[in-house]
Amino acid sequence: MTRLERTIFDQFVQIESLAALYYELRPKASLPATRGWAGSPDFLRHIAGVAAKIGPEVILECSSGVSTIVLARTLQLRGSGRVISLEHDPKYAEITRDALHNR
């Protein structure tokens, strides 16, 4: 597989994972962007699957963002549990809070 073919394949995997997340989580609003500092769609789908399977009562994460939203929605669909996200930047904490309230 060439480098270009590998890049295209990797991007396709991310698109499939994002589509699966939307199908499985049925969010009421679009998820934030999943590039840059955010978790990639395949990672987000993996952690959502683990949380759905294990069903923890509390998830503690360091840093907030799209993973917080995905995990919170996963627990909401299970009917129990909560996510505590430690965020050092007030700006990002507010963005995440707003995103959670709009979902």
PDB file of N, CA and C in Angstrom:
ATOM      1  N   MET A   1       0.848  -1.180   0.000  1.00  0.00           N
ATOM      2  CA  MET A   1       0.000   0.000   0.000  1.00  0.00           C
ATOM      3  C   MET A   1       0.892   1.241   0.000  1.00  0.00           C
ATOM      4  N   THR A   2       0.619   2.160  -0.898  1.00  0.00           N
ATOM      5  CA  THR A   2       1.405   3.392  -0.962  1.00  0.00           C
ATOM      6  C   THR A   2       1.012   4.308   0.192  1.00  0.00           C
ATOM      7  N   ARG A   3       1.811   5.323   0.378  1.00  0.00           N
ATOM      8  CA  ARG A   3       1.523   6.299   1.441  1.00  0.00           C
ATOM      9  C   ARG A   3       0.175   6.985   1.200  1.00  0.00           C
ATOM     10  N   LEU A   4      -0.095   7.359  -0.047  1.00  0.00           N
ATOM     11  CA  LEU A   4      -1.369   7.988  -0.387  1.00  0.00           C
ATOM     12  C   LEU A   4      -2.534   7.031  -0.143  1.00  0.00           C
ATOM     13  N   GLU A   5      -2.390   5.794  -0.543  1.00  0.00           N
ATOM     14  CA  GLU A   5      -3.446   4.799  -0.306  1.00  0.00           C
ATOM     15  C   GLU A   5      -3.706   4.615   1.184  1.00  0.00           C
ATOM     16  N   ARG A   6      -2.635   4.597   1.955  1.00  0.00           N
ATOM     17  CA  ARG A   6      -2.768   4.442   3.415  1.00  0.00           C
ATOM     18  C   ARG A   6      -3.498   5.646   4.020  1.00  0.00           C
ATOM     19  N   THR A   7      -3.155   6.843   3.563  1.00  0.00           N
ATOM     20  CA  THR A   7      -3.809   8.057   4.048  1.00  0.00           C
ATOM     21  C   THR A   7      -5.295   8.038   3.721  1.00  0.00           C
ATOM     22  N   ILE A   8      -5.621   7.664   2.505  1.00  0.00           N
ATOM     23  CA  ILE A   8      -7.024   7.585   2.101  1.00  0.00           C
ATOM     24  C   ILE A   8      -7.758   6.541   2.934  1.00  0.00           C
ATOM     25  N   PHE A   9      -7.140   5.384   3.137  1.00  0.00           N
ATOM     26  CA  PHE A   9      -7.742   4.331   3.952  1.00  0.00           C
ATOM     27  C   PHE A   9      -7.984   4.821   5.379  1.00  0.00           C
ATOM     28  N   ASP A  10      -6.973   5.463   5.964  1.00  0.00           N
ATOM     29  CA  ASP A  10      -7.105   5.975   7.335  1.00  0.00           C
ATOM     30  C   ASP A  10      -8.240   6.997   7.446  1.00  0.00           C
ATOM     31  N   GLN A  11      -8.361   7.864   6.467  1.00  0.00           N
ATOM     32  CA  GLN A  11      -9.443   8.856   6.483  1.00  0.00           C
ATOM     33  C   GLN A  11     -10.805   8.187   6.362  1.00  0.00           C
ATOM     34  N   PHE A  12     -10.884   7.154   5.549  1.00  0.00           N
ATOM     35  CA  PHE A  12     -12.137   6.420   5.398  1.00  0.00           C
ATOM     36  C   PHE A  12     -12.538   5.767   6.720  1.00  0.00           C
ATOM     37  N   VAL A  13     -11.578   5.206   7.435  1.00  0.00           N
ATOM     38  CA  VAL A  13     -11.847   4.607   8.747  1.00  0.00           C
ATOM     39  C   VAL A  13     -12.424   5.659   9.696  1.00  0.00           C
ATOM     40  N   GLN A  14     -11.870   6.876   9.663  1.00  0.00           N
ATOM     41  CA  GLN A  14     -12.367   7.937  10.545  1.00  0.00           C
ATOM     42  C   GLN A  14     -13.793   8.343  10.168  1.00  0.00           C
ATOM     43  N   ILE A  15     -14.080   8.412   8.878  1.00  0.00           N
ATOM     44  CA  ILE A  15     -15.430   8.766   8.430  1.00  0.00           C
ATOM     45  C   ILE A  15     -16.425   7.685   8.853  1.00  0.00           C
ATOM     46  N   GLU A  16     -16.046   6.426   8.662  1.00  0.00           N
ATOM     47  CA  GLU A  16     -16.920   5.325   9.092  1.00  0.00           C
ATOM     48  C   GLU A  16     -17.168   5.376  10.595  1.00  0.00           C
ATOM     49  N   SER A  17     -16.134   5.632  11.355  1.00  0.00           N
ATOM     50  CA  SER A  17     -16.264   5.691  12.811  1.00  0.00           C
ATOM     51  C   SER A  17     -17.158   6.848  13.245  1.00  0.00           C
ATOM     52  N   LEU A  18     -17.016   7.996  12.595  1.00  0.00           N
ATOM     53  CA  LEU A  18     -17.859   9.146  12.929  1.00  0.00           C
ATOM     54  C   LEU A  18     -19.323   8.858  12.594  1.00  0.00           C
ATOM     55  N   ALA A  19     -19.565   8.254  11.431  1.00  0.00           N
ATOM     56  CA  ALA A  19     -20.940   7.893  11.058  1.00  0.00           C
ATOM     57  C   ALA A  19     -21.522   6.906  12.068  1.00  0.00           C
ATOM     58  N   ALA A  20     -20.719   5.942  12.503  1.00  0.00           N
ATOM     59  CA  ALA A  20     -21.183   4.971  13.497  1.00  0.00           C
ATOM     60  C   ALA A  20     -21.486   5.648  14.829  1.00  0.00           C
ATOM     61  N   LEU A  21     -20.663   6.613  15.230  1.00  0.00           N
ATOM     62  CA  LEU A  21     -20.920   7.351  16.483  1.00  0.00           C
ATOM     63  C   LEU A  21     -22.264   8.059  16.427  1.00  0.00           C
ATOM     64  N   TYR A  22     -22.539   8.723  15.328  1.00  0.00           N
ATOM     65  CA  TYR A  22     -23.819   9.414  15.191  1.00  0.00           C
ATOM     66  C   TYR A  22     -24.980   8.424  15.240  1.00  0.00           C
ATOM     67  N   TYR A  23     -24.816   7.280  14.614  1.00  0.00           N
ATOM     68  CA  TYR A  23     -25.869   6.262  14.622  1.00  0.00           C
ATOM     69  C   TYR A  23     -26.082   5.705  16.027  1.00  0.00           C
ATOM     70  N   GLU A  24     -24.989   5.385  16.713  1.00  0.00           N
ATOM     71  CA  GLU A  24     -25.073   4.752  18.030  1.00  0.00           C
ATOM     72  C   GLU A  24     -25.494   5.715  19.128  1.00  0.00           C
ATOM     73  N   LEU A  25     -25.041   6.972  19.065  1.00  0.00           N
ATOM     74  CA  LEU A  25     -25.333   7.931  20.136  1.00  0.00           C
ATOM     75  C   LEU A  25     -26.583   8.767  19.869  1.00  0.00           C
ATOM     76  N   ARG A  26     -26.981   8.878  18.626  1.00  0.00           N
ATOM     77  CA  ARG A  26     -28.152   9.681  18.265  1.00  0.00           C
ATOM     78  C   ARG A  26     -28.163  11.039  18.971  1.00  0.00           C
ATOM     79  N   PRO A  27     -27.083  11.828  18.812  1.00  0.00           N
ATOM     80  CA  PRO A  27     -27.043  13.127  19.488  1.00  0.00           C
ATOM     81  C   PRO A  27     -28.112  14.061  18.938  1.00  0.00           C
ATOM     82  N   LYS A  28     -28.577  14.961  19.791  1.00  0.00           N
ATOM     83  CA  LYS A  28     -29.608  15.921  19.396  1.00  0.00           C
ATOM     84  C   LYS A  28     -29.013  17.081  18.598  1.00  0.00           C
ATOM     85  N   ALA A  29     -27.710  17.246  18.674  1.00  0.00           N
ATOM     86  CA  ALA A  29     -26.993  18.295  17.934  1.00  0.00           C
ATOM     87  C   ALA A  29     -25.678  17.700  17.439  1.00  0.00           C
ATOM     88  N   SER A  30     -25.075  18.353  16.476  1.00  0.00           N
ATOM     89  CA  SER A  30     -23.806  17.866  15.937  1.00  0.00           C
ATOM     90  C   SER A  30     -22.723  17.842  16.997  1.00  0.00           C
ATOM     91  N   LEU A  31     -21.838  16.888  16.883  1.00  0.00           N
ATOM     92  CA  LEU A  31     -20.683  16.835  17.765  1.00  0.00           C
ATOM     93  C   LEU A  31     -19.688  17.913  17.344  1.00  0.00           C
ATOM     94  N   PRO A  32     -18.874  18.390  18.283  1.00  0.00           N
ATOM     95  CA  PRO A  32     -17.819  19.340  17.906  1.00  0.00           C
ATOM     96  C   PRO A  32     -16.814  18.666  16.960  1.00  0.00           C
ATOM     97  N   ALA A  33     -15.976  19.454  16.347  1.00  0.00           N
ATOM     98  CA  ALA A  33     -14.958  18.934  15.439  1.00  0.00           C
ATOM     99  C   ALA A  33     -14.095  17.888  16.136  1.00  0.00           C
ATOM    100  N   THR A  34     -13.723  16.880  15.379  1.00  0.00           N
ATOM    101  CA  THR A  34     -12.918  15.796  15.951  1.00  0.00           C
ATOM    102  C   THR A  34     -11.506  15.778  15.373  1.00  0.00           C
ATOM    103  N   ARG A  35     -10.976  16.926  15.078  1.00  0.00           N
ATOM    104  CA  ARG A  35      -9.605  17.030  14.602  1.00  0.00           C
ATOM    105  C   ARG A  35      -8.860  18.002  15.504  1.00  0.00           C
ATOM    106  N   GLY A  36      -7.567  18.110  15.303  1.00  0.00           N
ATOM    107  CA  GLY A  36      -6.763  18.975  16.162  1.00  0.00           C
ATOM    108  C   GLY A  36      -6.508  18.270  17.483  1.00  0.00           C
ATOM    109  N   TRP A  37      -6.862  18.919  18.586  1.00  0.00           N
ATOM    110  CA  TRP A  37      -6.638  18.358  19.911  1.00  0.00           C
ATOM    111  C   TRP A  37      -7.688  17.333  20.309  1.00  0.00           C
ATOM    112  N   ALA A  38      -8.789  17.304  19.620  1.00  0.00           N
ATOM    113  CA  ALA A  38      -9.883  16.397  19.977  1.00  0.00           C
ATOM    114  C   ALA A  38      -9.529  14.945  19.659  1.00  0.00           C
ATOM    115  N   GLY A  39     -10.243  14.049  20.334  1.00  0.00           N
ATOM    116  CA  GLY A  39     -10.084  12.633  20.039  1.00  0.00           C
ATOM    117  C   GLY A  39     -10.570  12.328  18.639  1.00  0.00           C
ATOM    118  N   SER A  40      -9.927  11.391  17.997  1.00  0.00           N
ATOM    119  CA  SER A  40     -10.340  10.995  16.653  1.00  0.00           C
ATOM    120  C   SER A  40     -11.610  10.143  16.743  1.00  0.00           C
ATOM    121  N   PRO A  41     -12.396  10.100  15.681  1.00  0.00           N
ATOM    122  CA  PRO A  41     -13.646   9.340  15.724  1.00  0.00           C
ATOM    123  C   PRO A  41     -13.475   7.875  16.120  1.00  0.00           C
ATOM    124  N   ASP A  42     -12.415   7.211  15.645  1.00  0.00           N
ATOM    125  CA  ASP A  42     -12.242   5.802  16.028  1.00  0.00           C
ATOM    126  C   ASP A  42     -11.953   5.666  17.519  1.00  0.00           C
ATOM    127  N   PHE A  43     -11.181   6.590  18.068  1.00  0.00           N
ATOM    128  CA  PHE A  43     -10.918   6.582  19.515  1.00  0.00           C
ATOM    129  C   PHE A  43     -12.197   6.872  20.301  1.00  0.00           C
ATOM    130  N   LEU A  44     -12.959   7.872  19.859  1.00  0.00           N
ATOM    131  CA  LEU A  44     -14.194   8.223  20.547  1.00  0.00           C
ATOM    132  C   LEU A  44     -15.188   7.061  20.532  1.00  0.00           C
ATOM    133  N   ARG A  45     -15.266   6.385  19.407  1.00  0.00           N
ATOM    134  CA  ARG A  45     -16.164   5.230  19.317  1.00  0.00           C
ATOM    135  C   ARG A  45     -15.691   4.120  20.257  1.00  0.00           C
ATOM    136  N   HIS A  46     -14.381   3.931  20.339  1.00  0.00           N
ATOM    137  CA  HIS A  46     -13.841   2.907  21.234  1.00  0.00           C
ATOM    138  C   HIS A  46     -14.179   3.202  22.694  1.00  0.00           C
ATOM    139  N   ILE A  47     -13.929   4.439  23.139  1.00  0.00           N
ATOM    140  CA  ILE A  47     -14.199   4.737  24.551  1.00  0.00           C
ATOM    141  C   ILE A  47     -15.698   4.704  24.847  1.00  0.00           C
ATOM    142  N   ALA A  48     -16.520   5.082  23.874  1.00  0.00           N
ATOM    143  CA  ALA A  48     -17.970   4.987  24.065  1.00  0.00           C
ATOM    144  C   ALA A  48     -18.380   3.525  24.213  1.00  0.00           C
ATOM    145  N   GLY A  49     -17.794   2.660  23.410  1.00  0.00           N
ATOM    146  CA  GLY A  49     -18.095   1.231  23.498  1.00  0.00           C
ATOM    147  C   GLY A  49     -17.676   0.637  24.825  1.00  0.00           C
ATOM    148  N   VAL A  50     -16.511   1.017  25.303  1.00  0.00           N
ATOM    149  CA  VAL A  50     -16.036   0.523  26.608  1.00  0.00           C
ATOM    150  C   VAL A  50     -16.967   1.018  27.718  1.00  0.00           C
ATOM    151  N   ALA A  51     -17.323   2.293  27.676  1.00  0.00           N
ATOM    152  CA  ALA A  51     -18.210   2.851  28.711  1.00  0.00           C
ATOM    153  C   ALA A  51     -19.583   2.183  28.660  1.00  0.00           C
ATOM    154  N   ALA A  52     -20.088   1.916  27.471  1.00  0.00           N
ATOM    155  CA  ALA A  52     -21.396   1.260  27.353  1.00  0.00           C
ATOM    156  C   ALA A  52     -21.338  -0.162  27.893  1.00  0.00           C
ATOM    157  N   LYS A  53     -20.244  -0.843  27.645  1.00  0.00           N
ATOM    158  CA  LYS A  53     -20.104  -2.230  28.092  1.00  0.00           C
ATOM    159  C   LYS A  53     -19.894  -2.333  29.599  1.00  0.00           C
ATOM    160  N   ILE A  54     -19.001  -1.512  30.119  1.00  0.00           N
ATOM    161  CA  ILE A  54     -18.661  -1.580  31.548  1.00  0.00           C
ATOM    162  C   ILE A  54     -19.724  -0.906  32.406  1.00  0.00           C
ATOM    163  N   GLY A  55     -20.266   0.200  31.931  1.00  0.00           N
ATOM    164  CA  GLY A  55     -21.290   0.925  32.666  1.00  0.00           C
ATOM    165  C   GLY A  55     -20.814   1.527  33.977  1.00  0.00           C
ATOM    166  N   PRO A  56     -19.726   2.296  33.934  1.00  0.00           N
ATOM    167  CA  PRO A  56     -19.227   2.885  35.185  1.00  0.00           C
ATOM    168  C   PRO A  56     -20.194   3.931  35.738  1.00  0.00           C
ATOM    169  N   GLU A  57     -20.198   4.073  37.031  1.00  0.00           N
ATOM    170  CA  GLU A  57     -21.025   5.106  37.658  1.00  0.00           C
ATOM    171  C   GLU A  57     -20.367   6.471  37.543  1.00  0.00           C
ATOM    172  N   VAL A  58     -19.025   6.495  37.511  1.00  0.00           N
ATOM    173  CA  VAL A  58     -18.286   7.755  37.392  1.00  0.00           C
ATOM    174  C   VAL A  58     -17.133   7.552  36.414  1.00  0.00           C
ATOM    175  N   ILE A  59     -16.988   8.497  35.504  1.00  0.00           N
ATOM    176  CA  ILE A  59     -15.828   8.538  34.621  1.00  0.00           C
ATOM    177  C   ILE A  59     -15.100   9.838  34.932  1.00  0.00           C
ATOM    178  N   LEU A  60     -13.817   9.752  35.240  1.00  0.00           N
ATOM    179  CA  LEU A  60     -12.983  10.923  35.503  1.00  0.00           C
ATOM    180  C   LEU A  60     -12.028  11.068  34.334  1.00  0.00           C
ATOM    181  N   GLU A  61     -12.080  12.215  33.672  1.00  0.00           N
ATOM    182  CA  GLU A  61     -11.164  12.452  32.562  1.00  0.00           C
ATOM    183  C   GLU A  61     -10.405  13.744  32.784  1.00  0.00           C
ATOM    184  N   CYS A  62      -9.201  13.785  32.249  1.00  0.00           N
ATOM    185  CA  CYS A  62      -8.366  14.970  32.329  1.00  0.00           C
ATOM    186  C   CYS A  62      -8.456  15.706  31.005  1.00  0.00           C
ATOM    187  N   SER A  63      -9.037  16.884  31.034  1.00  0.00           N
ATOM    188  CA  SER A  63      -9.283  17.741  29.886  1.00  0.00           C
ATOM    189  C   SER A  63     -10.676  17.460  29.350  1.00  0.00           C
ATOM    190  N   SER A  64     -11.323  18.509  28.899  1.00  0.00           N
ATOM    191  CA  SER A  64     -12.700  18.366  28.429  1.00  0.00           C
ATOM    192  C   SER A  64     -12.780  18.600  26.937  1.00  0.00           C
ATOM    193  N   GLY A  65     -13.881  18.170  26.364  1.00  0.00           N
ATOM    194  CA  GLY A  65     -14.085  18.377  24.933  1.00  0.00           C
ATOM    195  C   GLY A  65     -15.063  17.374  24.377  1.00  0.00           C
ATOM    196  N   VAL A  66     -14.821  16.975  23.149  1.00  0.00           N
ATOM    197  CA  VAL A  66     -15.747  16.068  22.483  1.00  0.00           C
ATOM    198  C   VAL A  66     -15.812  14.719  23.200  1.00  0.00           C
ATOM    199  N   SER A  67     -14.724  14.281  23.807  1.00  0.00           N
ATOM    200  CA  SER A  67     -14.759  13.023  24.565  1.00  0.00           C
ATOM    201  C   SER A  67     -15.721  13.134  25.747  1.00  0.00           C
ATOM    202  N   THR A  68     -15.768  14.284  26.373  1.00  0.00           N
ATOM    203  CA  THR A  68     -16.699  14.506  27.481  1.00  0.00           C
ATOM    204  C   THR A  68     -18.131  14.359  26.993  1.00  0.00           C
ATOM    205  N   ILE A  69     -18.419  14.927  25.850  1.00  0.00           N
ATOM    206  CA  ILE A  69     -19.763  14.882  25.285  1.00  0.00           C
ATOM    207  C   ILE A  69     -20.134  13.453  24.896  1.00  0.00           C
ATOM    208  N   VAL A  70     -19.209  12.755  24.257  1.00  0.00           N
ATOM    209  CA  VAL A  70     -19.462  11.376  23.839  1.00  0.00           C
ATOM    210  C   VAL A  70     -19.679  10.479  25.054  1.00  0.00           C
ATOM    211  N   LEU A  71     -18.840  10.618  26.060  1.00  0.00           N
ATOM    212  CA  LEU A  71     -18.992   9.782  27.256  1.00  0.00           C
ATOM    213  C   LEU A  71     -20.274  10.113  28.016  1.00  0.00           C
ATOM    214  N   ALA A  72     -20.593  11.396  28.128  1.00  0.00           N
ATOM    215  CA  ALA A  72     -21.822  11.792  28.819  1.00  0.00           C
ATOM    216  C   ALA A  72     -23.053  11.238  28.099  1.00  0.00           C
ATOM    217  N   ARG A  73     -23.056  11.315  26.783  1.00  0.00           N
ATOM    218  CA  ARG A  73     -24.188  10.788  26.009  1.00  0.00           C
ATOM    219  C   ARG A  73     -24.279   9.269  26.143  1.00  0.00           C
ATOM    220  N   THR A  74     -23.139   8.596  26.145  1.00  0.00           N
ATOM    221  CA  THR A  74     -23.121   7.141  26.322  1.00  0.00           C
ATOM    222  C   THR A  74     -23.759   6.756  27.649  1.00  0.00           C
ATOM    223  N   LEU A  75     -23.374   7.451  28.712  1.00  0.00           N
ATOM    224  CA  LEU A  75     -23.940   7.145  30.034  1.00  0.00           C
ATOM    225  C   LEU A  75     -25.418   7.535  30.098  1.00  0.00           C
ATOM    226  N   GLN A  76     -25.774   8.619  29.438  1.00  0.00           N
ATOM    227  CA  GLN A  76     -27.174   9.031  29.396  1.00  0.00           C
ATOM    228  C   GLN A  76     -28.024   7.941  28.742  1.00  0.00           C
ATOM    229  N   LEU A  77     -27.549   7.377  27.663  1.00  0.00           N
ATOM    230  CA  LEU A  77     -28.282   6.310  26.990  1.00  0.00           C
ATOM    231  C   LEU A  77     -28.374   5.052  27.846  1.00  0.00           C
ATOM    232  N   ARG A  78     -27.377   4.807  28.684  1.00  0.00           N
ATOM    233  CA  ARG A  78     -27.410   3.669  29.608  1.00  0.00           C
ATOM    234  C   ARG A  78     -28.377   3.921  30.762  1.00  0.00           C
ATOM    235  N   GLY A  79     -28.603   5.198  31.053  1.00  0.00           N
ATOM    236  CA  GLY A  79     -29.529   5.537  32.130  1.00  0.00           C
ATOM    237  C   GLY A  79     -28.884   5.766  33.479  1.00  0.00           C
ATOM    238  N   SER A  80     -27.557   5.747  33.538  1.00  0.00           N
ATOM    239  CA  SER A  80     -26.891   6.019  34.820  1.00  0.00           C
ATOM    240  C   SER A  80     -25.441   6.398  34.585  1.00  0.00           C
ATOM    241  N   GLY A  81     -24.871   7.047  35.591  1.00  0.00           N
ATOM    242  CA  GLY A  81     -23.469   7.428  35.562  1.00  0.00           C
ATOM    243  C   GLY A  81     -23.275   8.906  35.281  1.00  0.00           C
ATOM    244  N   ARG A  82     -22.055   9.365  35.534  1.00  0.00           N
ATOM    245  CA  ARG A  82     -21.722  10.767  35.255  1.00  0.00           C
ATOM    246  C   ARG A  82     -20.254  10.886  34.891  1.00  0.00           C
ATOM    247  N   VAL A  83     -19.960  11.979  34.207  1.00  0.00           N
ATOM    248  CA  VAL A  83     -18.593  12.253  33.774  1.00  0.00           C
ATOM    249  C   VAL A  83     -18.093  13.477  34.529  1.00  0.00           C
ATOM    250  N   ILE A  84     -16.922  13.351  35.101  1.00  0.00           N
ATOM    251  CA  ILE A  84     -16.242  14.482  35.729  1.00  0.00           C
ATOM    252  C   ILE A  84     -15.010  14.751  34.884  1.00  0.00           C
ATOM    253  N   SER A  85     -14.907  15.970  34.377  1.00  0.00           N
ATOM    254  CA  SER A  85     -13.795  16.330  33.511  1.00  0.00           C
ATOM    255  C   SER A  85     -12.998  17.454  34.153  1.00  0.00           C
ATOM    256  N   LEU A  86     -11.728  17.225  34.342  1.00  0.00           N
ATOM    257  CA  LEU A  86     -10.839  18.236  34.911  1.00  0.00           C
ATOM    258  C   LEU A  86     -10.316  19.103  33.777  1.00  0.00           C
ATOM    259  N   GLU A  87     -10.595  20.385  33.835  1.00  0.00           N
ATOM    260  CA  GLU A  87     -10.171  21.299  32.772  1.00  0.00           C
ATOM    261  C   GLU A  87      -9.495  22.510  33.388  1.00  0.00           C
ATOM    262  N   HIS A  88      -8.272  22.790  32.968  1.00  0.00           N
ATOM    263  CA  HIS A  88      -7.513  23.914  33.529  1.00  0.00           C
ATOM    264  C   HIS A  88      -7.833  25.244  32.852  1.00  0.00           C
ATOM    265  N   ASP A  89      -8.402  25.190  31.651  1.00  0.00           N
ATOM    266  CA  ASP A  89      -8.651  26.412  30.884  1.00  0.00           C
ATOM    267  C   ASP A  89     -10.128  26.796  30.970  1.00  0.00           C
ATOM    268  N   PRO A  90     -10.438  27.914  31.624  1.00  0.00           N
ATOM    269  CA  PRO A  90     -11.842  28.318  31.772  1.00  0.00           C
ATOM    270  C   PRO A  90     -12.582  28.441  30.446  1.00  0.00           C
ATOM    271  N   LYS A  91     -11.871  28.865  29.398  1.00  0.00           N
ATOM    272  CA  LYS A  91     -12.492  28.998  28.076  1.00  0.00           C
ATOM    273  C   LYS A  91     -13.003  27.648  27.576  1.00  0.00           C
ATOM    274  N   TYR A  92     -12.166  26.614  27.646  1.00  0.00           N
ATOM    275  CA  TYR A  92     -12.568  25.291  27.182  1.00  0.00           C
ATOM    276  C   TYR A  92     -13.614  24.666  28.093  1.00  0.00           C
ATOM    277  N   ALA A  93     -13.525  24.947  29.377  1.00  0.00           N
ATOM    278  CA  ALA A  93     -14.545  24.447  30.307  1.00  0.00           C
ATOM    279  C   ALA A  93     -15.912  25.009  29.930  1.00  0.00           C
ATOM    280  N   GLU A  94     -15.963  26.291  29.610  1.00  0.00           N
ATOM    281  CA  GLU A  94     -17.227  26.931  29.227  1.00  0.00           C
ATOM    282  C   GLU A  94     -17.745  26.388  27.896  1.00  0.00           C
ATOM    283  N   ILE A  95     -16.854  26.188  26.941  1.00  0.00           N
ATOM    284  CA  ILE A  95     -17.253  25.632  25.646  1.00  0.00           C
ATOM    285  C   ILE A  95     -17.863  24.241  25.843  1.00  0.00           C
ATOM    286  N   THR A  96     -17.229  23.424  26.660  1.00  0.00           N
ATOM    287  CA  THR A  96     -17.738  22.077  26.910  1.00  0.00           C
ATOM    288  C   THR A  96     -19.069  22.124  27.645  1.00  0.00           C
ATOM    289  N   ARG A  97     -19.167  22.983  28.653  1.00  0.00           N
ATOM    290  CA  ARG A  97     -20.451  23.129  29.384  1.00  0.00           C
ATOM    291  C   ARG A  97     -21.581  23.514  28.427  1.00  0.00           C
ATOM    292  N   ASP A  98     -21.310  24.506  27.573  1.00  0.00           N
ATOM    293  CA  ASP A  98     -22.319  24.932  26.599  1.00  0.00           C
ATOM    294  C   ASP A  98     -22.710  23.792  25.674  1.00  0.00           C
ATOM    295  N   ALA A  99     -21.722  23.047  25.202  1.00  0.00           N
ATOM    296  CA  ALA A  99     -22.003  21.922  24.300  1.00  0.00           C
ATOM    297  C   ALA A  99     -22.832  20.853  24.989  1.00  0.00           C
ATOM    298  N   LEU A 100     -22.552  20.587  26.248  1.00  0.00           N
ATOM    299  CA  LEU A 100     -23.338  19.601  26.991  1.00  0.00           C
ATOM    300  C   LEU A 100     -24.776  20.036  27.182  1.00  0.00           C
ATOM    301  N   HIS A 101     -24.985  21.293  27.451  1.00  0.00           N
ATOM    302  CA  HIS A 101     -26.349  21.813  27.671  1.00  0.00           C
ATOM    303  C   HIS A 101     -27.162  21.859  26.389  1.00  0.00           C
ATOM    304  N   ASN A 102     -26.485  21.936  25.250  1.00  0.00           N
ATOM    305  CA  ASN A 102     -27.179  21.970  23.961  1.00  0.00           C
ATOM    306  C   ASN A 102     -27.408  20.583  23.369  1.00  0.00           C
ATOM    307  N   ARG A 103     -27.136  19.552  24.124  1.00  0.00           N
ATOM    308  CA  ARG A 103     -27.329  18.189  23.648  1.00  0.00           C
ATOM    309  C   ARG A 103     -28.341  17.518  24.500  1.00  0.00           C
TER     310      ARG A 103
END
